[in-house]
Amino acid sequence: MTAYKLSPYLVTIENRLTRGAIQYGLFHRLTGEIVEFTPSLQMFVTAVRKQGDVYIGIELEVNQQFVRTGGRRWQQLRATLIATLQTALEHPAFNASR
């Protein structure tokens, strides 16, 4: 079986801008390219992220109400999310899976 590795610049995105419709895709942070998820691409990404019994990936969902409203509440939440993500990325278990 061919071994694949996801690029560290690849980010999963979710679009809920259209009421009643959710779209998923992959965003490449360097090229700016967005690829819409197809069922086969979803299975591929999940398979690549799963190595043995360990799932390597971080999923983050933010209710867009916080983003749209803005203000102090969003600034606090954003700062907390950034600090938490940085802590997770520095964890030895995450770095060992790279």
PDB file of N, CA and C in Angstrom:
ATOM      1  N   MET A   1       0.840  -1.181   0.000  1.00  0.00           N
ATOM      2  CA  MET A   1       0.000   0.000   0.000  1.00  0.00           C
ATOM      3  C   MET A   1       0.884   1.243   0.000  1.00  0.00           C
ATOM      4  N   THR A   2       0.528   2.226  -0.789  1.00  0.00           N
ATOM      5  CA  THR A   2       1.269   3.472  -0.862  1.00  0.00           C
ATOM      6  C   THR A   2       1.039   4.292   0.400  1.00  0.00           C
ATOM      7  N   ALA A   3       2.113   4.847   0.956  1.00  0.00           N
ATOM      8  CA  ALA A   3       2.000   5.676   2.154  1.00  0.00           C
ATOM      9  C   ALA A   3       1.786   7.132   1.740  1.00  0.00           C
ATOM     10  N   TYR A   4       0.831   7.786   2.364  1.00  0.00           N
ATOM     11  CA  TYR A   4       0.544   9.191   2.102  1.00  0.00           C
ATOM     12  C   TYR A   4       0.676   9.975   3.391  1.00  0.00           C
ATOM     13  N   LYS A   5       0.995  11.241   3.258  1.00  0.00           N
ATOM     14  CA  LYS A   5       1.075  12.124   4.412  1.00  0.00           C
ATOM     15  C   LYS A   5       0.389  13.430   4.045  1.00  0.00           C
ATOM     16  N   LEU A   6      -0.480  13.920   4.928  1.00  0.00           N
ATOM     17  CA  LEU A   6      -1.148  15.187   4.673  1.00  0.00           C
ATOM     18  C   LEU A   6      -0.177  16.338   4.892  1.00  0.00           C
ATOM     19  N   SER A   7      -0.279  17.337   4.074  1.00  0.00           N
ATOM     20  CA  SER A   7       0.549  18.529   4.206  1.00  0.00           C
ATOM     21  C   SER A   7       0.170  19.276   5.482  1.00  0.00           C
ATOM     22  N   PRO A   8       1.159  19.793   6.218  1.00  0.00           N
ATOM     23  CA  PRO A   8       0.818  20.577   7.410  1.00  0.00           C
ATOM     24  C   PRO A   8       0.124  21.886   7.044  1.00  0.00           C
ATOM     25  N   TYR A   9       0.120  22.244   5.773  1.00  0.00           N
ATOM     26  CA  TYR A   9      -0.529  23.470   5.324  1.00  0.00           C
ATOM     27  C   TYR A   9      -1.973  23.231   4.892  1.00  0.00           C
ATOM     28  N   LEU A  10      -2.435  22.003   5.021  1.00  0.00           N
ATOM     29  CA  LEU A  10      -3.783  21.633   4.598  1.00  0.00           C
ATOM     30  C   LEU A  10      -4.740  21.748   5.773  1.00  0.00           C
ATOM     31  N   VAL A  11      -5.830  22.479   5.582  1.00  0.00           N
ATOM     32  CA  VAL A  11      -6.794  22.728   6.639  1.00  0.00           C
ATOM     33  C   VAL A  11      -8.186  22.334   6.145  1.00  0.00           C
ATOM     34  N   THR A  12      -8.941  21.654   6.987  1.00  0.00           N
ATOM     35  CA  THR A  12     -10.318  21.318   6.657  1.00  0.00           C
ATOM     36  C   THR A  12     -11.190  22.539   6.962  1.00  0.00           C
ATOM     37  N   ILE A  13     -12.080  22.878   6.046  1.00  0.00           N
ATOM     38  CA  ILE A  13     -12.962  24.023   6.250  1.00  0.00           C
ATOM     39  C   ILE A  13     -14.417  23.600   6.107  1.00  0.00           C
ATOM     40  N   GLU A  14     -15.287  24.360   6.739  1.00  0.00           N
ATOM     41  CA  GLU A  14     -16.724  24.108   6.688  1.00  0.00           C
ATOM     42  C   GLU A  14     -17.418  25.416   6.351  1.00  0.00           C
ATOM     43  N   ASN A  15     -18.353  25.358   5.425  1.00  0.00           N
ATOM     44  CA  ASN A  15     -19.087  26.537   4.991  1.00  0.00           C
ATOM     45  C   ASN A  15     -20.562  26.363   5.338  1.00  0.00           C
ATOM     46  N   ARG A  16     -21.097  27.270   6.152  1.00  0.00           N
ATOM     47  CA  ARG A  16     -22.519  27.266   6.505  1.00  0.00           C
ATOM     48  C   ARG A  16     -23.168  28.592   6.124  1.00  0.00           C
ATOM     49  N   LEU A  17     -22.662  29.223   5.094  1.00  0.00           N
ATOM     50  CA  LEU A  17     -23.179  30.526   4.711  1.00  0.00           C
ATOM     51  C   LEU A  17     -24.558  30.446   4.077  1.00  0.00           C
ATOM     52  N   THR A  18     -24.876  29.328   3.464  1.00  0.00           N
ATOM     53  CA  THR A  18     -26.191  29.130   2.871  1.00  0.00           C
ATOM     54  C   THR A  18     -27.053  28.365   3.858  1.00  0.00           C
ATOM     55  N   ARG A  19     -28.177  28.949   4.226  1.00  0.00           N
ATOM     56  CA  ARG A  19     -29.070  28.309   5.203  1.00  0.00           C
ATOM     57  C   ARG A  19     -29.479  26.919   4.736  1.00  0.00           C
ATOM     58  N   GLY A  20     -29.321  25.949   5.628  1.00  0.00           N
ATOM     59  CA  GLY A  20     -29.737  24.580   5.341  1.00  0.00           C
ATOM     60  C   GLY A  20     -28.733  23.769   4.536  1.00  0.00           C
ATOM     61  N   ALA A  21     -27.596  24.375   4.184  1.00  0.00           N
ATOM     62  CA  ALA A  21     -26.594  23.649   3.395  1.00  0.00           C
ATOM     63  C   ALA A  21     -25.232  23.771   4.082  1.00  0.00           C
ATOM     64  N   ILE A  22     -24.562  22.642   4.192  1.00  0.00           N
ATOM     65  CA  ILE A  22     -23.219  22.627   4.762  1.00  0.00           C
ATOM     66  C   ILE A  22     -22.275  22.079   3.704  1.00  0.00           C
ATOM     67  N   GLN A  23     -21.210  22.817   3.436  1.00  0.00           N
ATOM     68  CA  GLN A  23     -20.209  22.372   2.473  1.00  0.00           C
ATOM     69  C   GLN A  23     -18.882  22.201   3.198  1.00  0.00           C
ATOM     70  N   TYR A  24     -18.138  21.187   2.805  1.00  0.00           N
ATOM     71  CA  TYR A  24     -16.836  20.932   3.396  1.00  0.00           C
ATOM     72  C   TYR A  24     -15.780  20.981   2.306  1.00  0.00           C
ATOM     73  N   GLY A  25     -14.586  21.344   2.697  1.00  0.00           N
ATOM     74  CA  GLY A  25     -13.508  21.394   1.733  1.00  0.00           C
ATOM     75  C   GLY A  25     -12.160  21.385   2.411  1.00  0.00           C
ATOM     76  N   LEU A  26     -11.131  21.386   1.590  1.00  0.00           N
ATOM     77  CA  LEU A  26      -9.756  21.477   2.066  1.00  0.00           C
ATOM     78  C   LEU A  26      -9.177  22.779   1.548  1.00  0.00           C
ATOM     79  N   PHE A  27      -8.481  23.494   2.414  1.00  0.00           N
ATOM     80  CA  PHE A  27      -7.854  24.763   2.058  1.00  0.00           C
ATOM     81  C   PHE A  27      -6.352  24.629   2.251  1.00  0.00           C
ATOM     82  N   HIS A  28      -5.581  24.994   1.227  1.00  0.00           N
ATOM     83  CA  HIS A  28      -4.125  24.955   1.327  1.00  0.00           C
ATOM     84  C   HIS A  28      -3.654  26.362   1.677  1.00  0.00           C
ATOM     85  N   ARG A  29      -3.032  26.491   2.856  1.00  0.00           N
ATOM     86  CA  ARG A  29      -2.667  27.809   3.372  1.00  0.00           C
ATOM     87  C   ARG A  29      -1.598  28.521   2.546  1.00  0.00           C
ATOM     88  N   LEU A  30      -0.789  27.813   1.795  1.00  0.00           N
ATOM     89  CA  LEU A  30       0.243  28.473   0.987  1.00  0.00           C
ATOM     90  C   LEU A  30      -0.262  28.876  -0.389  1.00  0.00           C
ATOM     91  N   THR A  31      -1.008  27.989  -1.038  1.00  0.00           N
ATOM     92  CA  THR A  31      -1.457  28.269  -2.405  1.00  0.00           C
ATOM     93  C   THR A  31      -2.801  28.978  -2.448  1.00  0.00           C
ATOM     94  N   GLY A  32      -3.590  28.873  -1.366  1.00  0.00           N
ATOM     95  CA  GLY A  32      -4.920  29.470  -1.347  1.00  0.00           C
ATOM     96  C   GLY A  32      -5.956  28.627  -2.071  1.00  0.00           C
ATOM     97  N   GLU A  33      -5.553  27.445  -2.529  1.00  0.00           N
ATOM     98  CA  GLU A  33      -6.463  26.572  -3.274  1.00  0.00           C
ATOM     99  C   GLU A  33      -7.477  25.918  -2.327  1.00  0.00           C
ATOM    100  N   ILE A  34      -8.723  25.837  -2.791  1.00  0.00           N
ATOM    101  CA  ILE A  34      -9.786  25.168  -2.040  1.00  0.00           C
ATOM    102  C   ILE A  34     -10.320  24.028  -2.892  1.00  0.00           C
ATOM    103  N   VAL A  35     -10.412  22.845  -2.281  1.00  0.00           N
ATOM    104  CA  VAL A  35     -10.950  21.671  -2.961  1.00  0.00           C
ATOM    105  C   VAL A  35     -12.171  21.215  -2.180  1.00  0.00           C
ATOM    106  N   GLU A  36     -13.309  21.100  -2.864  1.00  0.00           N
ATOM    107  CA  GLU A  36     -14.528  20.657  -2.185  1.00  0.00           C
ATOM    108  C   GLU A  36     -14.441  19.163  -1.885  1.00  0.00           C
ATOM    109  N   PHE A  37     -14.909  18.804  -0.679  1.00  0.00           N
ATOM    110  CA  PHE A  37     -14.922  17.402  -0.280  1.00  0.00           C
ATOM    111  C   PHE A  37     -15.923  16.615  -1.107  1.00  0.00           C
ATOM    112  N   THR A  38     -15.463  15.508  -1.634  1.00  0.00           N
ATOM    113  CA  THR A  38     -16.364  14.518  -2.216  1.00  0.00           C
ATOM    114  C   THR A  38     -16.349  13.356  -1.216  1.00  0.00           C
ATOM    115  N   PRO A  39     -17.302  12.442  -1.272  1.00  0.00           N
ATOM    116  CA  PRO A  39     -17.273  11.307  -0.341  1.00  0.00           C
ATOM    117  C   PRO A  39     -15.955  10.532  -0.394  1.00  0.00           C
ATOM    118  N   SER A  40     -15.392  10.342  -1.588  1.00  0.00           N
ATOM    119  CA  SER A  40     -14.138   9.585  -1.684  1.00  0.00           C
ATOM    120  C   SER A  40     -12.966  10.378  -1.097  1.00  0.00           C
ATOM    121  N   LEU A  41     -12.960  11.699  -1.258  1.00  0.00           N
ATOM    122  CA  LEU A  41     -11.902  12.515  -0.670  1.00  0.00           C
ATOM    123  C   LEU A  41     -12.011  12.502   0.850  1.00  0.00           C
ATOM    124  N   GLN A  42     -13.222  12.536   1.382  1.00  0.00           N
ATOM    125  CA  GLN A  42     -13.439  12.468   2.836  1.00  0.00           C
ATOM    126  C   GLN A  42     -12.872  11.155   3.385  1.00  0.00           C
ATOM    127  N   MET A  43     -13.156  10.050   2.729  1.00  0.00           N
ATOM    128  CA  MET A  43     -12.644   8.741   3.179  1.00  0.00           C
ATOM    129  C   MET A  43     -11.121   8.710   3.101  1.00  0.00           C
ATOM    130  N   PHE A  44     -10.552   9.283   2.038  1.00  0.00           N
ATOM    131  CA  PHE A  44      -9.101   9.299   1.875  1.00  0.00           C
ATOM    132  C   PHE A  44      -8.432  10.090   2.998  1.00  0.00           C
ATOM    133  N   VAL A  45      -8.935  11.293   3.278  1.00  0.00           N
ATOM    134  CA  VAL A  45      -8.343  12.132   4.314  1.00  0.00           C
ATOM    135  C   VAL A  45      -8.439  11.457   5.675  1.00  0.00           C
ATOM    136  N   THR A  46      -9.571  10.856   5.978  1.00  0.00           N
ATOM    137  CA  THR A  46      -9.740  10.146   7.245  1.00  0.00           C
ATOM    138  C   THR A  46      -8.757   8.983   7.342  1.00  0.00           C
ATOM    139  N   ALA A  47      -8.580   8.250   6.256  1.00  0.00           N
ATOM    140  CA  ALA A  47      -7.657   7.109   6.257  1.00  0.00           C
ATOM    141  C   ALA A  47      -6.212   7.563   6.463  1.00  0.00           C
ATOM    142  N   VAL A  48      -5.837   8.679   5.851  1.00  0.00           N
ATOM    143  CA  VAL A  48      -4.471   9.182   5.989  1.00  0.00           C
ATOM    144  C   VAL A  48      -4.228   9.675   7.411  1.00  0.00           C
ATOM    145  N   ARG A  49      -5.235  10.306   8.005  1.00  0.00           N
ATOM    146  CA  ARG A  49      -5.077  10.820   9.367  1.00  0.00           C
ATOM    147  C   ARG A  49      -5.041   9.707  10.411  1.00  0.00           C
ATOM    148  N   LYS A  50      -5.641   8.577  10.103  1.00  0.00           N
ATOM    149  CA  LYS A  50      -5.689   7.488  11.080  1.00  0.00           C
ATOM    150  C   LYS A  50      -4.488   6.584  10.862  1.00  0.00           C
ATOM    151  N   GLN A  51      -3.645   6.499  11.864  1.00  0.00           N
ATOM    152  CA  GLN A  51      -2.463   5.642  11.783  1.00  0.00           C
ATOM    153  C   GLN A  51      -2.539   4.645  12.932  1.00  0.00           C
ATOM    154  N   GLY A  52      -2.839   3.407  12.606  1.00  0.00           N
ATOM    155  CA  GLY A  52      -3.033   2.397  13.648  1.00  0.00           C
ATOM    156  C   GLY A  52      -4.278   2.738  14.445  1.00  0.00           C
ATOM    157  N   ASP A  53      -4.139   2.794  15.749  1.00  0.00           N
ATOM    158  CA  ASP A  53      -5.266   3.132  16.609  1.00  0.00           C
ATOM    159  C   ASP A  53      -5.298   4.609  16.970  1.00  0.00           C
ATOM    160  N   VAL A  54      -4.410   5.390  16.366  1.00  0.00           N
ATOM    161  CA  VAL A  54      -4.295   6.801  16.713  1.00  0.00           C
ATOM    162  C   VAL A  54      -4.809   7.651  15.562  1.00  0.00           C
ATOM    163  N   TYR A  55      -5.702   8.579  15.865  1.00  0.00           N
ATOM    164  CA  TYR A  55      -6.208   9.521  14.868  1.00  0.00           C
ATOM    165  C   TYR A  55      -5.423  10.807  15.014  1.00  0.00           C
ATOM    166  N   ILE A  56      -4.704  11.188  13.978  1.00  0.00           N
ATOM    167  CA  ILE A  56      -3.930  12.422  14.065  1.00  0.00           C
ATOM    168  C   ILE A  56      -4.654  13.509  13.281  1.00  0.00           C
ATOM    169  N   GLY A  57      -5.205  14.403  13.992  1.00  0.00           N
ATOM    170  CA  GLY A  57      -5.914  15.512  13.378  1.00  0.00           C
ATOM    171  C   GLY A  57      -6.585  16.323  14.462  1.00  0.00           C
ATOM    172  N   ILE A  58      -6.806  17.562  14.154  1.00  0.00           N
ATOM    173  CA  ILE A  58      -7.487  18.445  15.084  1.00  0.00           C
ATOM    174  C   ILE A  58      -8.671  19.042  14.349  1.00  0.00           C
ATOM    175  N   GLU A  59      -9.832  18.936  14.943  1.00  0.00           N
ATOM    176  CA  GLU A  59     -11.018  19.536  14.364  1.00  0.00           C
ATOM    177  C   GLU A  59     -11.497  20.633  15.292  1.00  0.00           C
ATOM    178  N   LEU A  60     -11.861  21.748  14.721  1.00  0.00           N
ATOM    179  CA  LEU A  60     -12.296  22.896  15.498  1.00  0.00           C
ATOM    180  C   LEU A  60     -13.536  23.482  14.845  1.00  0.00           C
ATOM    181  N   GLU A  61     -14.566  23.658  15.623  1.00  0.00           N
ATOM    182  CA  GLU A  61     -15.784  24.286  15.126  1.00  0.00           C
ATOM    183  C   GLU A  61     -16.076  25.509  15.971  1.00  0.00           C
ATOM    184  N   VAL A  62     -16.415  26.589  15.315  1.00  0.00           N
ATOM    185  CA  VAL A  62     -16.764  27.828  16.009  1.00  0.00           C
ATOM    186  C   VAL A  62     -18.123  28.274  15.487  1.00  0.00           C
ATOM    187  N   ASN A  63     -19.039  28.502  16.400  1.00  0.00           N
ATOM    188  CA  ASN A  63     -20.353  29.019  16.023  1.00  0.00           C
ATOM    189  C   ASN A  63     -20.154  30.399  15.409  1.00  0.00           C
ATOM    190  N   GLN A  64     -20.614  30.575  14.188  1.00  0.00           N
ATOM    191  CA  GLN A  64     -20.393  31.831  13.467  1.00  0.00           C
ATOM    192  C   GLN A  64     -21.090  33.026  14.111  1.00  0.00           C
ATOM    193  N   GLN A  65     -21.987  32.774  15.038  1.00  0.00           N
ATOM    194  CA  GLN A  65     -22.636  33.858  15.774  1.00  0.00           C
ATOM    195  C   GLN A  65     -21.573  34.686  16.500  1.00  0.00           C
ATOM    196  N   PHE A  66     -20.572  34.013  17.086  1.00  0.00           N
ATOM    197  CA  PHE A  66     -19.500  34.718  17.798  1.00  0.00           C
ATOM    198  C   PHE A  66     -18.694  35.589  16.830  1.00  0.00           C
ATOM    199  N   VAL A  67     -18.400  35.039  15.666  1.00  0.00           N
ATOM    200  CA  VAL A  67     -17.592  35.761  14.684  1.00  0.00           C
ATOM    201  C   VAL A  67     -18.362  36.968  14.152  1.00  0.00           C
ATOM    202  N   ARG A  68     -19.608  36.759  13.773  1.00  0.00           N
ATOM    203  CA  ARG A  68     -20.418  37.834  13.196  1.00  0.00           C
ATOM    204  C   ARG A  68     -20.682  38.955  14.197  1.00  0.00           C
ATOM    205  N   THR A  69     -20.923  38.587  15.453  1.00  0.00           N
ATOM    206  CA  THR A  69     -21.220  39.578  16.481  1.00  0.00           C
ATOM    207  C   THR A  69     -19.979  40.385  16.829  1.00  0.00           C
ATOM    208  N   GLY A  70     -18.828  39.713  16.839  1.00  0.00           N
ATOM    209  CA  GLY A  70     -17.565  40.400  17.133  1.00  0.00           C
ATOM    210  C   GLY A  70     -17.515  40.875  18.570  1.00  0.00           C
ATOM    211  N   GLY A  71     -16.833  41.963  18.784  1.00  0.00           N
ATOM    212  CA  GLY A  71     -16.762  42.549  20.110  1.00  0.00           C
ATOM    213  C   GLY A  71     -15.830  41.812  21.056  1.00  0.00           C
ATOM    214  N   ARG A  72     -15.933  42.190  22.322  1.00  0.00           N
ATOM    215  CA  ARG A  72     -15.039  41.653  23.346  1.00  0.00           C
ATOM    216  C   ARG A  72     -15.193  40.141  23.521  1.00  0.00           C
ATOM    217  N   ARG A  73     -16.427  39.652  23.462  1.00  0.00           N
ATOM    218  CA  ARG A  73     -16.666  38.208  23.650  1.00  0.00           C
ATOM    219  C   ARG A  73     -15.931  37.392  22.592  1.00  0.00           C
ATOM    220  N   TRP A  74     -16.000  37.833  21.328  1.00  0.00           N
ATOM    221  CA  TRP A  74     -15.306  37.126  20.256  1.00  0.00           C
ATOM    222  C   TRP A  74     -13.797  37.240  20.429  1.00  0.00           C
ATOM    223  N   GLN A  75     -13.290  38.409  20.811  1.00  0.00           N
ATOM    224  CA  GLN A  75     -11.855  38.585  21.012  1.00  0.00           C
ATOM    225  C   GLN A  75     -11.335  37.637  22.098  1.00  0.00           C
ATOM    226  N   GLN A  76     -12.093  37.491  23.173  1.00  0.00           N
ATOM    227  CA  GLN A  76     -11.688  36.577  24.246  1.00  0.00           C
ATOM    228  C   GLN A  76     -11.715  35.126  23.773  1.00  0.00           C
ATOM    229  N   LEU A  77     -12.777  34.751  23.072  1.00  0.00           N
ATOM    230  CA  LEU A  77     -12.884  33.382  22.572  1.00  0.00           C
ATOM    231  C   LEU A  77     -11.765  33.093  21.582  1.00  0.00           C
ATOM    232  N   ARG A  78     -11.506  34.029  20.684  1.00  0.00           N
ATOM    233  CA  ARG A  78     -10.452  33.859  19.684  1.00  0.00           C
ATOM    234  C   ARG A  78      -9.092  33.670  20.363  1.00  0.00           C
ATOM    235  N   ALA A  79      -8.782  34.488  21.348  1.00  0.00           N
ATOM    236  CA  ALA A  79      -7.512  34.373  22.064  1.00  0.00           C
ATOM    237  C   ALA A  79      -7.397  33.021  22.768  1.00  0.00           C
ATOM    238  N   THR A  80      -8.503  32.560  23.351  1.00  0.00           N
ATOM    239  CA  THR A  80      -8.505  31.255  24.024  1.00  0.00           C
ATOM    240  C   THR A  80      -8.300  30.124  23.021  1.00  0.00           C
ATOM    241  N   LEU A  81      -8.959  30.205  21.867  1.00  0.00           N
ATOM    242  CA  LEU A  81      -8.803  29.170  20.839  1.00  0.00           C
ATOM    243  C   LEU A  81      -7.363  29.113  20.321  1.00  0.00           C
ATOM    244  N   ILE A  82      -6.771  30.262  20.092  1.00  0.00           N
ATOM    245  CA  ILE A  82      -5.395  30.305  19.594  1.00  0.00           C
ATOM    246  C   ILE A  82      -4.436  29.706  20.616  1.00  0.00           C
ATOM    247  N   ALA A  83      -4.592  30.101  21.886  1.00  0.00           N
ATOM    248  CA  ALA A  83      -3.707  29.581  22.937  1.00  0.00           C
ATOM    249  C   ALA A  83      -3.874  28.076  23.105  1.00  0.00           C
ATOM    250  N   THR A  84      -5.111  27.597  23.034  1.00  0.00           N
ATOM    251  CA  THR A  84      -5.379  26.173  23.183  1.00  0.00           C
ATOM    252  C   THR A  84      -4.791  25.383  22.021  1.00  0.00           C
ATOM    253  N   LEU A  85      -4.942  25.887  20.815  1.00  0.00           N
ATOM    254  CA  LEU A  85      -4.397  25.210  19.645  1.00  0.00           C
ATOM    255  C   LEU A  85      -2.867  25.176  19.709  1.00  0.00           C
ATOM    256  N   GLN A  86      -2.246  26.275  20.127  1.00  0.00           N
ATOM    257  CA  GLN A  86      -0.794  26.294  20.256  1.00  0.00           C
ATOM    258  C   GLN A  86      -0.323  25.261  21.276  1.00  0.00           C
ATOM    259  N   THR A  87      -1.038  25.148  22.387  1.00  0.00           N
ATOM    260  CA  THR A  87      -0.692  24.161  23.417  1.00  0.00           C
ATOM    261  C   THR A  87      -0.813  22.750  22.855  1.00  0.00           C
ATOM    262  N   ALA A  88      -1.886  22.486  22.123  1.00  0.00           N
ATOM    263  CA  ALA A  88      -2.088  21.155  21.541  1.00  0.00           C
ATOM    264  C   ALA A  88      -0.985  20.819  20.542  1.00  0.00           C
ATOM    265  N   LEU A  89      -0.596  21.784  19.723  1.00  0.00           N
ATOM    266  CA  LEU A  89       0.437  21.535  18.711  1.00  0.00           C
ATOM    267  C   LEU A  89       1.815  21.324  19.330  1.00  0.00           C
ATOM    268  N   GLU A  90       2.033  21.830  20.527  1.00  0.00           N
ATOM    269  CA  GLU A  90       3.317  21.661  21.209  1.00  0.00           C
ATOM    270  C   GLU A  90       3.378  20.356  22.005  1.00  0.00           C
ATOM    271  N   HIS A  91       2.256  19.656  22.136  1.00  0.00           N
ATOM    272  CA  HIS A  91       2.207  18.426  22.931  1.00  0.00           C
ATOM    273  C   HIS A  91       3.071  17.354  22.272  1.00  0.00           C
ATOM    274  N   PRO A  92       3.864  16.615  23.060  1.00  0.00           N
ATOM    275  CA  PRO A  92       4.745  15.575  22.494  1.00  0.00           C
ATOM    276  C   PRO A  92       4.003  14.533  21.657  1.00  0.00           C
ATOM    277  N   ALA A  93       2.792  14.179  22.050  1.00  0.00           N
ATOM    278  CA  ALA A  93       2.044  13.148  21.302  1.00  0.00           C
ATOM    279  C   ALA A  93       1.731  13.632  19.886  1.00  0.00           C
ATOM    280  N   PHE A  94       1.425  14.906  19.740  1.00  0.00           N
ATOM    281  CA  PHE A  94       1.131  15.446  18.411  1.00  0.00           C
ATOM    282  C   PHE A  94       2.402  15.494  17.571  1.00  0.00           C
ATOM    283  N   ASN A  95       3.483  15.914  18.149  1.00  0.00           N
ATOM    284  CA  ASN A  95       4.752  16.022  17.409  1.00  0.00           C
ATOM    285  C   ASN A  95       5.311  14.654  17.055  1.00  0.00           C
ATOM    286  N   ALA A  96       5.040  13.637  17.863  1.00  0.00           N
ATOM    287  CA  ALA A  96       5.537  12.292  17.578  1.00  0.00           C
ATOM    288  C   ALA A  96       4.865  11.692  16.361  1.00  0.00           C
ATOM    289  N   SER A  97       3.649  12.153  16.034  1.00  0.00           N
ATOM    290  CA  SER A  97       2.909  11.580  14.914  1.00  0.00           C
ATOM    291  C   SER A  97       3.295  12.188  13.579  1.00  0.00           C
ATOM    292  N   ARG A  98       4.136  13.179  13.571  1.00  0.00           N
ATOM    293  CA  ARG A  98       4.524  13.829  12.330  1.00  0.00           C
ATOM    294  C   ARG A  98       5.600  13.077  11.603  1.00  0.00           C
TER     295      ARG A  98
END
